[in-house]
N, C-alpha and C. Protein backbone atom coordinates (compact mmCIF):
# COMPACT_ATOMS: atom_id res chain seq x y z
N MET A 1 32.23 5.38 -9.79
CA MET A 1 32.85 4.61 -9.07
C MET A 1 31.94 5.29 -7.74
N SER A 2 31.91 3.89 -6.51
CA SER A 2 31.09 3.57 -5.52
C SER A 2 31.24 3.88 -4.45
N ILE A 3 30.91 5.01 -3.16
CA ILE A 3 31.28 5.09 -2.17
C ILE A 3 31.31 3.88 -1.08
N ASN A 4 32.26 3.80 -0.57
CA ASN A 4 32.04 3.05 0.37
C ASN A 4 31.27 3.54 1.65
N SER A 5 31.04 1.80 1.86
CA SER A 5 29.79 2.53 3.03
C SER A 5 30.13 1.54 4.19
N ILE A 6 29.59 1.37 5.58
CA ILE A 6 29.58 0.72 6.69
C ILE A 6 27.76 0.84 7.24
N LEU A 7 27.23 -0.11 6.95
CA LEU A 7 26.39 0.08 8.07
C LEU A 7 25.78 -0.83 9.53
N TYR A 8 25.61 -0.08 9.98
CA TYR A 8 26.31 -0.44 11.87
C TYR A 8 24.25 -0.11 12.40
N ASP A 9 24.32 -0.88 13.68
CA ASP A 9 23.49 -1.32 15.04
C ASP A 9 23.74 0.41 15.36
N PRO A 10 23.14 1.33 15.50
CA PRO A 10 22.97 2.17 16.25
C PRO A 10 23.26 1.68 18.25
N SER A 11 22.14 0.58 17.95
CA SER A 11 22.01 0.39 19.12
C SER A 11 23.63 -0.44 19.78
N SER A 12 23.56 -1.53 19.02
CA SER A 12 24.48 -2.67 19.33
C SER A 12 25.73 -2.26 18.91
N ALA A 13 26.19 -1.30 18.21
CA ALA A 13 27.34 -1.22 17.02
C ALA A 13 27.42 -2.29 16.25
N LYS A 14 27.05 -3.16 15.80
CA LYS A 14 27.42 -4.14 15.12
C LYS A 14 27.07 -4.17 13.90
N GLN A 15 27.85 -4.33 13.15
CA GLN A 15 28.04 -4.48 11.98
C GLN A 15 27.25 -5.11 10.79
N ALA A 16 26.59 -4.35 9.55
CA ALA A 16 25.53 -5.77 9.40
C ALA A 16 26.07 -6.52 8.30
N THR A 17 25.69 -7.90 8.30
CA THR A 17 25.49 -8.93 7.31
C THR A 17 25.74 -8.18 5.93
N ILE A 18 26.30 -8.13 4.79
CA ILE A 18 25.90 -8.28 3.28
C ILE A 18 25.50 -9.60 2.68
N GLU A 19 25.56 -9.87 1.84
CA GLU A 19 25.07 -11.37 1.44
C GLU A 19 24.33 -11.40 0.24
N THR A 20 25.64 -11.88 -0.80
CA THR A 20 25.36 -12.26 -1.84
C THR A 20 24.50 -13.58 -2.74
N LYS A 21 23.37 -13.28 -3.49
CA LYS A 21 22.52 -13.76 -3.92
C LYS A 21 22.14 -14.15 -5.29
N GLU A 22 22.04 -14.89 -6.51
CA GLU A 22 22.14 -14.64 -7.53
C GLU A 22 22.68 -12.72 -8.43
N ASN A 23 23.62 -13.39 -7.72
CA ASN A 23 25.23 -12.54 -8.09
C ASN A 23 24.26 -10.86 -8.27
N ARG A 24 23.35 -10.76 -6.75
CA ARG A 24 23.33 -9.84 -6.26
C ARG A 24 23.73 -8.96 -4.48
N ASN A 25 24.08 -8.15 -4.69
CA ASN A 25 24.25 -7.52 -2.69
C ASN A 25 22.61 -7.02 -2.33
N GLY A 26 22.90 -7.66 -0.65
CA GLY A 26 21.52 -7.28 0.03
C GLY A 26 21.47 -7.25 0.90
N VAL A 27 21.46 -6.15 1.83
CA VAL A 27 20.82 -6.99 3.89
C VAL A 27 19.81 -6.96 4.29
N HIS A 28 19.41 -7.85 5.21
CA HIS A 28 18.71 -8.95 5.59
C HIS A 28 17.71 -7.45 6.56
N VAL A 29 16.03 -7.36 6.51
CA VAL A 29 16.09 -6.75 6.67
C VAL A 29 14.03 -6.93 7.54
N LEU A 30 14.22 -5.82 8.49
CA LEU A 30 12.49 -6.97 8.83
C LEU A 30 11.60 -5.30 8.58
N THR A 31 10.70 -6.29 8.06
CA THR A 31 9.83 -5.65 8.53
C THR A 31 8.86 -5.98 8.92
N GLN A 32 6.98 -5.05 9.31
CA GLN A 32 6.45 -5.14 9.50
C GLN A 32 5.07 -4.05 9.66
N GLU A 33 3.78 -4.83 9.15
CA GLU A 33 2.74 -3.55 9.07
C GLU A 33 2.22 -3.42 10.02
N TYR A 34 1.88 -1.80 9.31
CA TYR A 34 1.60 -1.07 10.52
C TYR A 34 -0.14 -0.60 10.65
N LYS A 35 -0.61 -1.03 9.52
CA LYS A 35 -2.16 -0.97 9.55
C LYS A 35 -2.54 -2.56 8.95
N GLU A 36 -3.94 -2.85 9.45
CA GLU A 36 -4.32 -3.88 9.48
C GLU A 36 -5.43 -3.85 8.49
N TYR A 37 -6.25 -4.26 7.69
CA TYR A 37 -6.81 -4.11 6.59
C TYR A 37 -7.70 -4.71 6.91
N LEU A 38 -9.28 -4.97 6.93
CA LEU A 38 -10.20 -5.99 7.01
C LEU A 38 -11.20 -5.66 5.55
N ASN A 39 -11.02 -6.57 4.46
CA ASN A 39 -11.69 -6.79 3.50
C ASN A 39 -13.16 -6.41 4.18
N LYS A 40 -14.31 -5.44 3.66
CA LYS A 40 -15.63 -5.89 3.36
C LYS A 40 -16.65 -4.84 2.55
N LYS A 41 -16.97 -5.93 2.48
CA LYS A 41 -18.21 -5.42 1.27
C LYS A 41 -19.62 -4.44 1.50
N VAL A 42 -19.64 -3.41 0.81
CA VAL A 42 -20.86 -2.47 0.95
C VAL A 42 -21.72 -1.89 -0.57
N PHE A 43 -22.64 -2.24 -0.65
CA PHE A 43 -23.29 -1.61 -1.78
C PHE A 43 -23.54 0.15 -0.98
N PHE A 44 -23.15 0.42 -2.61
CA PHE A 44 -23.68 1.28 -2.44
C PHE A 44 -24.98 1.69 -2.45
N THR A 45 -25.67 2.36 -1.68
CA THR A 45 -27.40 3.00 -1.70
C THR A 45 -27.07 4.37 -1.78
N ASN A 46 -29.15 4.20 -2.76
CA ASN A 46 -29.41 5.92 -2.77
C ASN A 46 -30.78 5.85 -1.61
N PRO A 47 -30.64 7.39 -0.57
CA PRO A 47 -32.63 7.02 0.20
C PRO A 47 -33.77 6.94 -0.66
N THR A 48 -33.55 7.31 -2.63
CA THR A 48 -34.25 8.06 -2.98
C THR A 48 -34.30 6.77 -3.68
N TYR A 49 -33.62 6.21 -4.43
CA TYR A 49 -33.58 4.99 -5.61
C TYR A 49 -33.04 3.37 -5.43
N GLY A 50 -32.67 3.82 -3.77
CA GLY A 50 -32.19 2.64 -3.42
C GLY A 50 -31.13 1.98 -3.87
N GLN A 51 -30.70 0.47 -4.47
CA GLN A 51 -29.67 -0.15 -5.16
C GLN A 51 -29.63 0.56 -6.32
N ASN A 52 -30.65 0.63 -7.18
CA ASN A 52 -31.27 1.22 -8.43
C ASN A 52 -30.59 2.53 -9.07
N MET A 53 -29.81 2.84 -8.61
CA MET A 53 -28.99 4.60 -8.77
C MET A 53 -28.69 4.61 -10.28
N ASN A 54 -28.61 3.65 -11.14
CA ASN A 54 -28.80 4.06 -12.29
C ASN A 54 -29.92 4.31 -13.44
N GLN A 55 -29.80 5.82 -13.12
CA GLN A 55 -31.14 6.29 -13.84
C GLN A 55 -30.37 7.47 -14.87
N ASP A 56 -32.41 7.51 -16.18
CA ASP A 56 -31.90 7.26 -17.32
C ASP A 56 -32.45 8.87 -16.78
N PHE A 57 -31.79 9.71 -17.29
CA PHE A 57 -31.63 11.26 -16.81
C PHE A 57 -32.28 12.45 -18.00
N SER A 58 -32.11 11.69 -19.31
CA SER A 58 -32.07 12.44 -20.18
C SER A 58 -33.17 12.78 -20.83
N GLN A 59 -34.51 12.77 -20.33
CA GLN A 59 -35.56 13.76 -20.98
C GLN A 59 -35.78 14.53 -19.69
N VAL A 60 -34.99 15.26 -19.15
CA VAL A 60 -35.16 15.79 -17.91
C VAL A 60 -34.58 17.36 -18.04
N ASP A 61 -35.23 17.94 -18.27
CA ASP A 61 -35.10 20.05 -19.00
C ASP A 61 -33.88 20.87 -18.20
N ASP A 62 -33.75 20.12 -16.64
CA ASP A 62 -32.90 20.92 -15.61
C ASP A 62 -32.04 19.73 -15.21
N THR A 63 -30.62 20.06 -14.75
CA THR A 63 -29.55 19.55 -14.27
C THR A 63 -30.09 18.88 -13.19
N GLU A 64 -29.56 17.34 -12.89
CA GLU A 64 -30.16 16.49 -11.51
C GLU A 64 -28.89 16.70 -10.47
């Protein structure tokens, strides 16, 4: 058993419209993005080894 509820707009007191599509009920909502992301390609580099950070340290007795 579900609880009967009605959605109202708090500023204008208008009742929300429930729409049925493909045997499902729904309410139209407005969404907006809070952040805009810019894709940027950055290579990881090391001041000692440059871009070639894949080094073989298996011969070193001390921990690197």
